[in-house]
PDB file of N, CA and C in Angstrom:
ATOM      1  N   MET A   1     134.405  95.081 121.171  1.00  0.00           N
ATOM      2  CA  MET A   1     133.810  95.767 122.414  1.00  0.00           C
ATOM      3  C   MET A   1     134.794  95.933 123.441  1.00  0.00           C
ATOM      4  N   ARG A   2     134.768  97.072 124.025  1.00  0.00           N
ATOM      5  CA  ARG A   2     135.840  97.489 125.010  1.00  0.00           C
ATOM      6  C   ARG A   2     135.136  98.224 126.154  1.00  0.00           C
ATOM      7  N   CYS A   3     135.603  97.914 127.315  1.00  0.00           N
ATOM      8  CA  CYS A   3     135.091  98.733 128.426  1.00  0.00           C
ATOM      9  C   CYS A   3     136.389  99.572 128.972  1.00  0.00           C
ATOM     10  N   ASP A   4     136.136 100.904 128.820  1.00  0.00           N
ATOM     11  CA  ASP A   4     137.299 101.874 129.169  1.00  0.00           C
ATOM     12  C   ASP A   4     137.496 101.810 130.776  1.00  0.00           C
ATOM     13  N   GLY A   5     136.423 101.518 131.486  1.00  0.00           N
ATOM     14  CA  GLY A   5     136.476 101.518 132.996  1.00  0.00           C
ATOM     15  C   GLY A   5     137.563 100.457 133.540  1.00  0.00           C
ATOM     16  N   CYS A   6     137.436  99.306 132.987  1.00  0.00           N
ATOM     17  CA  CYS A   6     138.261  98.180 133.464  1.00  0.00           C
ATOM     18  C   CYS A   6     139.280  97.752 132.400  1.00  0.00           C
ATOM     19  N   ALA A   7     139.317  98.294 131.271  1.00  0.00           N
ATOM     20  CA  ALA A   7     140.226  98.054 130.257  1.00  0.00           C
ATOM     21  C   ALA A   7     140.090  96.583 129.666  1.00  0.00           C
ATOM     22  N   SER A   8     139.035  95.947 129.862  1.00  0.00           N
ATOM     23  CA  SER A   8     138.760  94.610 129.218  1.00  0.00           C
ATOM     24  C   SER A   8     138.089  94.832 127.706  1.00  0.00           C
ATOM     25  N   ALA A   9     138.427  93.851 126.986  1.00  0.00           N
ATOM     26  CA  ALA A   9     137.865  93.901 125.676  1.00  0.00           C
ATOM     27  C   ALA A   9     137.479  92.560 125.188  1.00  0.00           C
ATOM     28  N   VAL A  10     136.533  92.419 124.228  1.00  0.00           N
ATOM     29  CA  VAL A  10     136.030  91.186 123.752  1.00  0.00           C
ATOM     30  C   VAL A  10     135.985  91.458 122.185  1.00  0.00           C
ATOM     31  N   GLU A  11     136.752  90.565 121.604  1.00  0.00           N
ATOM     32  CA  GLU A  11     136.902  90.678 120.020  1.00  0.00           C
ATOM     33  C   GLU A  11     136.177  89.460 119.420  1.00  0.00           C
ATOM     34  N   GLY A  12     135.691  89.693 118.236  1.00  0.00           N
ATOM     35  CA  GLY A  12     135.107  88.659 117.508  1.00  0.00           C
ATOM     36  C   GLY A  12     133.779  89.123 116.686  1.00  0.00           C
ATOM     37  N   ARG A  13     133.285  88.047 116.090  1.00  0.00           N
ATOM     38  CA  ARG A  13     132.030  88.480 115.325  1.00  0.00           C
ATOM     39  C   ARG A  13     130.841  87.976 116.180  1.00  0.00           C
ATOM     40  N   PHE A  14     129.904  88.940 116.452  1.00  0.00           N
ATOM     41  CA  PHE A  14     128.760  88.493 117.238  1.00  0.00           C
ATOM     42  C   PHE A  14     127.439  88.928 116.420  1.00  0.00           C
ATOM     43  N   THR A  15     126.381  88.138 116.630  1.00  0.00           N
ATOM     44  CA  THR A  15     125.088  88.389 116.203  1.00  0.00           C
ATOM     45  C   THR A  15     124.157  88.721 117.380  1.00  0.00           C
ATOM     46  N   THR A  16     123.241  89.544 117.036  1.00  0.00           N
ATOM     47  CA  THR A  16     122.176  89.745 118.114  1.00  0.00           C
ATOM     48  C   THR A  16     120.959  88.836 117.878  1.00  0.00           C
ATOM     49  N   GLY A  17     121.173  87.751 117.248  1.00  0.00           N
ATOM     50  CA  GLY A  17     120.047  86.675 117.055  1.00  0.00           C
ATOM     51  C   GLY A  17     118.864  87.250 116.347  1.00  0.00           C
ATOM     52  N   TRP A  18     117.631  86.888 116.848  1.00  0.00           N
ATOM     53  CA  TRP A  18     116.479  87.273 116.081  1.00  0.00           C
ATOM     54  C   TRP A  18     116.256  88.847 116.058  1.00  0.00           C
ATOM     55  N   VAL A  19     116.816  89.540 117.027  1.00  0.00           N
ATOM     56  CA  VAL A  19     116.788  90.978 117.108  1.00  0.00           C
ATOM     57  C   VAL A  19     117.230  91.632 115.828  1.00  0.00           C
ATOM     58  N   GLN A  20     118.236  91.115 115.185  1.00  0.00           N
ATOM     59  CA  GLN A  20     118.788  91.889 114.033  1.00  0.00           C
ATOM     60  C   GLN A  20     117.901  91.624 112.827  1.00  0.00           C
ATOM     61  N   GLN A  21     116.935  90.851 112.818  1.00  0.00           N
ATOM     62  CA  GLN A  21     115.972  90.606 111.742  1.00  0.00           C
ATOM     63  C   GLN A  21     114.915  91.713 111.731  1.00  0.00           C
ATOM     64  N   LEU A  22     114.740  92.448 112.849  1.00  0.00           N
ATOM     65  CA  LEU A  22     113.767  93.522 113.023  1.00  0.00           C
ATOM     66  C   LEU A  22     114.201  94.869 112.584  1.00  0.00           C
ATOM     67  N   SER A  23     113.379  95.676 111.984  1.00  0.00           N
ATOM     68  CA  SER A  23     113.618  97.151 111.781  1.00  0.00           C
ATOM     69  C   SER A  23     113.490  97.801 113.151  1.00  0.00           C
ATOM     70  N   PRO A  24     114.269  98.950 113.254  1.00  0.00           N
ATOM     71  CA  PRO A  24     114.036  99.700 114.478  1.00  0.00           C
ATOM     72  C   PRO A  24     112.598  99.995 114.966  1.00  0.00           C
ATOM     73  N   GLU A  25     111.694 100.197 114.046  1.00  0.00           N
ATOM     74  CA  GLU A  25     110.351 100.365 114.422  1.00  0.00           C
ATOM     75  C   GLU A  25     109.720  99.078 114.898  1.00  0.00           C
ATOM     76  N   GLN A  26     110.008  97.947 114.387  1.00  0.00           N
ATOM     77  CA  GLN A  26     109.566  96.690 114.786  1.00  0.00           C
ATOM     78  C   GLN A  26     110.119  96.432 116.113  1.00  0.00           C
ATOM     79  N   LEU A  27     111.345  96.622 116.397  1.00  0.00           N
ATOM     80  CA  LEU A  27     112.015  96.532 117.675  1.00  0.00           C
ATOM     81  C   LEU A  27     111.314  97.359 118.834  1.00  0.00           C
ATOM     82  N   ALA A  28     111.015  98.622 118.522  1.00  0.00           N
ATOM     83  CA  ALA A  28     110.291  99.549 119.461  1.00  0.00           C
ATOM     84  C   ALA A  28     108.962  98.897 119.764  1.00  0.00           C
ATOM     85  N   PHE A  29     108.259  98.370 118.628  1.00  0.00           N
ATOM     86  CA  PHE A  29     107.005  97.850 118.970  1.00  0.00           C
ATOM     87  C   PHE A  29     107.100  96.622 119.810  1.00  0.00           C
ATOM     88  N   VAL A  30     108.017  95.678 119.553  1.00  0.00           N
ATOM     89  CA  VAL A  30     108.305  94.552 120.537  1.00  0.00           C
ATOM     90  C   VAL A  30     108.521  95.008 121.918  1.00  0.00           C
ATOM     91  N   ARG A  31     109.327  96.003 122.129  1.00  0.00           N
ATOM     92  CA  ARG A  31     109.518  96.511 123.583  1.00  0.00           C
ATOM     93  C   ARG A  31     108.222  96.872 124.140  1.00  0.00           C
ATOM     94  N   VAL A  32     107.346  97.619 123.520  1.00  0.00           N
ATOM     95  CA  VAL A  32     106.162  98.048 124.095  1.00  0.00           C
ATOM     96  C   VAL A  32     105.257  96.687 124.269  1.00  0.00           C
ATOM     97  N   PHE A  33     105.255  95.965 123.377  1.00  0.00           N
ATOM     98  CA  PHE A  33     104.318  94.717 123.399  1.00  0.00           C
ATOM     99  C   PHE A  33     104.808  93.923 124.699  1.00  0.00           C
ATOM    100  N   MET A  34     106.096  93.730 124.783  1.00  0.00           N
ATOM    101  CA  MET A  34     106.534  93.004 125.997  1.00  0.00           C
ATOM    102  C   MET A  34     106.275  93.675 127.242  1.00  0.00           C
ATOM    103  N   GLY A  35     106.538  95.007 127.357  1.00  0.00           N
ATOM    104  CA  GLY A  35     106.296  95.757 128.473  1.00  0.00           C
ATOM    105  C   GLY A  35     104.836  95.714 128.884  1.00  0.00           C
ATOM    106  N   CYS A  36     103.966  95.483 127.962  1.00  0.00           N
ATOM    107  CA  CYS A  36     102.447  95.239 128.171  1.00  0.00           C
ATOM    108  C   CYS A  36     102.125  93.832 128.398  1.00  0.00           C
ATOM    109  N   ARG A  37     103.148  93.009 128.454  1.00  0.00           N
ATOM    110  CA  ARG A  37     103.108  91.585 128.756  1.00  0.00           C
ATOM    111  C   ARG A  37     102.024  90.849 127.758  1.00  0.00           C
ATOM    112  N   GLY A  38     102.100  91.435 126.406  1.00  0.00           N
ATOM    113  CA  GLY A  38     101.337  90.922 125.236  1.00  0.00           C
ATOM    114  C   GLY A  38      99.897  91.221 125.239  1.00  0.00           C
ATOM    115  N   LYS A  39      99.522  92.096 126.169  1.00  0.00           N
ATOM    116  CA  LYS A  39      98.076  92.455 126.195  1.00  0.00           C
ATOM    117  C   LYS A  39      97.710  93.520 125.294  1.00  0.00           C
ATOM    118  N   ILE A  40      97.048  93.119 124.230  1.00  0.00           N
ATOM    119  CA  ILE A  40      96.954  94.028 122.944  1.00  0.00           C
ATOM    120  C   ILE A  40      96.108  95.296 123.397  1.00  0.00           C
ATOM    121  N   LYS A  41      95.078  95.182 124.339  1.00  0.00           N
ATOM    122  CA  LYS A  41      94.526  96.481 124.776  1.00  0.00           C
ATOM    123  C   LYS A  41      95.479  97.432 125.415  1.00  0.00           C
ATOM    124  N   ASP A  42      96.368  96.922 126.227  1.00  0.00           N
ATOM    125  CA  ASP A  42      97.389  97.840 126.785  1.00  0.00           C
ATOM    126  C   ASP A  42      98.380  98.450 125.685  1.00  0.00           C
ATOM    127  N   VAL A  43      98.694  97.694 124.714  1.00  0.00           N
ATOM    128  CA  VAL A  43      99.534  98.178 123.592  1.00  0.00           C
ATOM    129  C   VAL A  43      98.772  99.256 122.850  1.00  0.00           C
ATOM    130  N   GLU A  44      97.517  98.976 122.622  1.00  0.00           N
ATOM    131  CA  GLU A  44      96.713 100.021 121.989  1.00  0.00           C
ATOM    132  C   GLU A  44      96.724 101.327 122.800  1.00  0.00           C
ATOM    133  N   GLN A  45      96.569 101.230 124.059  1.00  0.00           N
ATOM    134  CA  GLN A  45      96.606 102.517 124.877  1.00  0.00           C
ATOM    135  C   GLN A  45      98.020 103.152 124.964  1.00  0.00           C
ATOM    136  N   ALA A  46      98.925 102.287 125.087  1.00  0.00           N
ATOM    137  CA  ALA A  46     100.440 102.873 125.082  1.00  0.00           C
ATOM    138  C   ALA A  46     100.839 103.517 123.806  1.00  0.00           C
ATOM    139  N   LEU A  47     100.351 103.008 122.727  1.00  0.00           N
ATOM    140  CA  LEU A  47     100.743 103.596 121.479  1.00  0.00           C
ATOM    141  C   LEU A  47      99.730 104.399 120.797  1.00  0.00           C
ATOM    142  N   GLY A  48      98.495 104.471 121.365  1.00  0.00           N
ATOM    143  CA  GLY A  48      97.464 105.190 120.753  1.00  0.00           C
ATOM    144  C   GLY A  48      97.007 104.704 119.372  1.00  0.00           C
ATOM    145  N   LEU A  49      97.011 103.329 119.218  1.00  0.00           N
ATOM    146  CA  LEU A  49      96.616 102.662 117.911  1.00  0.00           C
ATOM    147  C   LEU A  49      95.398 101.926 118.243  1.00  0.00           C
ATOM    148  N   SER A  50      94.698 101.619 117.066  1.00  0.00           N
ATOM    149  CA  SER A  50      93.623 100.748 117.068  1.00  0.00           C
ATOM    150  C   SER A  50      93.929  99.159 117.201  1.00  0.00           C
ATOM    151  N   TYR A  51      93.011  98.528 117.569  1.00  0.00           N
ATOM    152  CA  TYR A  51      93.171  97.017 117.603  1.00  0.00           C
ATOM    153  C   TYR A  51      93.808  96.433 116.330  1.00  0.00           C
ATOM    154  N   PRO A  52      93.147  96.750 115.183  1.00  0.00           N
ATOM    155  CA  PRO A  52      93.557  96.185 113.874  1.00  0.00           C
ATOM    156  C   PRO A  52      95.009  96.705 113.592  1.00  0.00           C
ATOM    157  N   THR A  53      95.429  97.882 113.947  1.00  0.00           N
ATOM    158  CA  THR A  53      96.762  98.429 113.605  1.00  0.00           C
ATOM    159  C   THR A  53      97.778  97.634 114.509  1.00  0.00           C
ATOM    160  N   VAL A  54      97.393  97.541 115.832  1.00  0.00           N
ATOM    161  CA  VAL A  54      98.309  96.618 116.631  1.00  0.00           C
ATOM    162  C   VAL A  54      98.542  95.251 116.120  1.00  0.00           C
ATOM    163  N   VAL A  55      97.428  94.611 115.768  1.00  0.00           N
ATOM    164  CA  VAL A  55      97.596  93.240 115.303  1.00  0.00           C
ATOM    165  C   VAL A  55      98.281  93.194 114.005  1.00  0.00           C
ATOM    166  N   ALA A  56      98.146  94.215 113.063  1.00  0.00           N
ATOM    167  CA  ALA A  56      98.908  94.283 111.764  1.00  0.00           C
ATOM    168  C   ALA A  56     100.410  94.399 112.047  1.00  0.00           C
ATOM    169  N   ARG A  57     100.764  95.167 113.060  1.00  0.00           N
ATOM    170  CA  ARG A  57     102.272  95.424 113.349  1.00  0.00           C
ATOM    171  C   ARG A  57     102.821  94.223 114.071  1.00  0.00           C
ATOM    172  N   LEU A  58     101.950  93.424 114.771  1.00  0.00           N
ATOM    173  CA  LEU A  58     102.402  92.155 115.379  1.00  0.00           C
ATOM    174  C   LEU A  58     102.585  91.241 114.308  1.00  0.00           C
ATOM    175  N   ASP A  59     101.738  91.174 113.370  1.00  0.00           N
ATOM    176  CA  ASP A  59     101.750  90.195 112.244  1.00  0.00           C
ATOM    177  C   ASP A  59     103.141  90.581 111.467  1.00  0.00           C
ATOM    178  N   ASP A  60     103.484  91.859 111.304  1.00  0.00           N
ATOM    179  CA  ASP A  60     104.660  92.263 110.537  1.00  0.00           C
ATOM    180  C   ASP A  60     105.956  91.622 111.302  1.00  0.00           C
ATOM    181  N   VAL A  61     105.880  91.816 112.580  1.00  0.00           N
ATOM    182  CA  VAL A  61     107.051  91.311 113.414  1.00  0.00           C
ATOM    183  C   VAL A  61     107.105  89.739 113.168  1.00  0.00           C
ATOM    184  N   VAL A  62     105.930  89.059 113.275  1.00  0.00           N
ATOM    185  CA  VAL A  62     106.105  87.593 113.207  1.00  0.00           C
ATOM    186  C   VAL A  62     106.566  87.305 111.757  1.00  0.00           C
ATOM    187  N   GLU A  63     106.183  87.974 110.791  1.00  0.00           N
ATOM    188  CA  GLU A  63     106.674  87.638 109.406  1.00  0.00           C
ATOM    189  C   GLU A  63     108.179  87.951 109.245  1.00  0.00           C
ATOM    190  N   ALA A  64     108.597  89.121 109.910  1.00  0.00           N
ATOM    191  CA  ALA A  64     109.990  89.496 109.816  1.00  0.00           C
ATOM    192  C   ALA A  64     110.871  88.336 110.476  1.00  0.00           C
ATOM    193  N   LEU A  65     110.315  87.648 111.426  1.00  0.00           N
ATOM    194  CA  LEU A  65     111.091  86.563 112.061  1.00  0.00           C
ATOM    195  C   LEU A  65     110.894  85.239 111.354  1.00  0.00           C
ATOM    196  N   GLY A  66     110.286  85.264 110.303  1.00  0.00           N
ATOM    197  CA  GLY A  66     110.368  84.069 109.321  1.00  0.00           C
ATOM    198  C   GLY A  66     109.162  83.102 109.649  1.00  0.00           C
ATOM    199  N   GLN A  67     108.109  83.630 110.271  1.00  0.00           N
ATOM    200  CA  GLN A  67     106.918  82.833 110.708  1.00  0.00           C
ATOM    201  C   GLN A  67     105.789  83.327 109.892  1.00  0.00           C
ATOM    202  N   VAL A  68     104.766  82.427 109.847  1.00  0.00           N
ATOM    203  CA  VAL A  68     103.414  82.810 109.342  1.00  0.00           C
ATOM    204  C   VAL A  68     102.492  83.206 110.422  1.00  0.00           C
ATOM    205  N   PRO A  69     101.911  84.427 110.338  1.00  0.00           N
ATOM    206  CA  PRO A  69     100.864  84.716 111.375  1.00  0.00           C
ATOM    207  C   PRO A  69      99.703  83.736 111.335  1.00  0.00           C
ATOM    208  N   SER A  70      99.153  83.504 112.460  1.00  0.00           N
ATOM    209  CA  SER A  70      97.903  82.715 112.588  1.00  0.00           C
ATOM    210  C   SER A  70      96.849  83.520 111.948  1.00  0.00           C
ATOM    211  N   PRO A  71      95.859  82.882 111.369  1.00  0.00           N
ATOM    212  CA  PRO A  71      94.616  83.601 110.867  1.00  0.00           C
ATOM    213  C   PRO A  71      93.843  84.062 111.991  1.00  0.00           C
ATOM    214  N   PRO A  72      93.126  85.228 111.846  1.00  0.00           N
ATOM    215  CA  PRO A  72      92.354  85.780 112.843  1.00  0.00           C
ATOM    216  C   PRO A  72      91.240  84.775 113.308  1.00  0.00           C
ATOM    217  N   PRO A  73      90.714  84.895 114.568  1.00  0.00           N
ATOM    218  CA  PRO A  73      89.595  83.976 114.943  1.00  0.00           C
ATOM    219  C   PRO A  73      88.360  84.455 114.204  1.00  0.00           C
ATOM    220  N   PRO A  74      87.406  83.511 113.911  1.00  0.00           N
ATOM    221  CA  PRO A  74      86.132  83.927 113.288  1.00  0.00           C
ATOM    222  C   PRO A  74      85.373  84.892 114.203  1.00  0.00           C
ATOM    223  N   PRO A  75      84.625  85.766 113.665  1.00  0.00           N
ATOM    224  CA  PRO A  75      83.855  86.743 114.437  1.00  0.00           C
ATOM    225  C   PRO A  75      82.789  86.056 115.137  1.00  0.00           C
TER     226      PRO A  75
END
């Protein structure tokens, strides 16, 4: 990595942590989810998706991070 403005450089092998485990689509979803402070209704509105679709996408992110999604609450 190099900054042409100040001529500094950092060399080595770097990882982006958990972020690299997500697809670009999942990362975009996480950005919206975080921007909505985890409020699923706000995510629904921001993305124009239904509640079940938002929950399914969130479950996909959880699984991509190596976790098991919690079962849905009983009706």
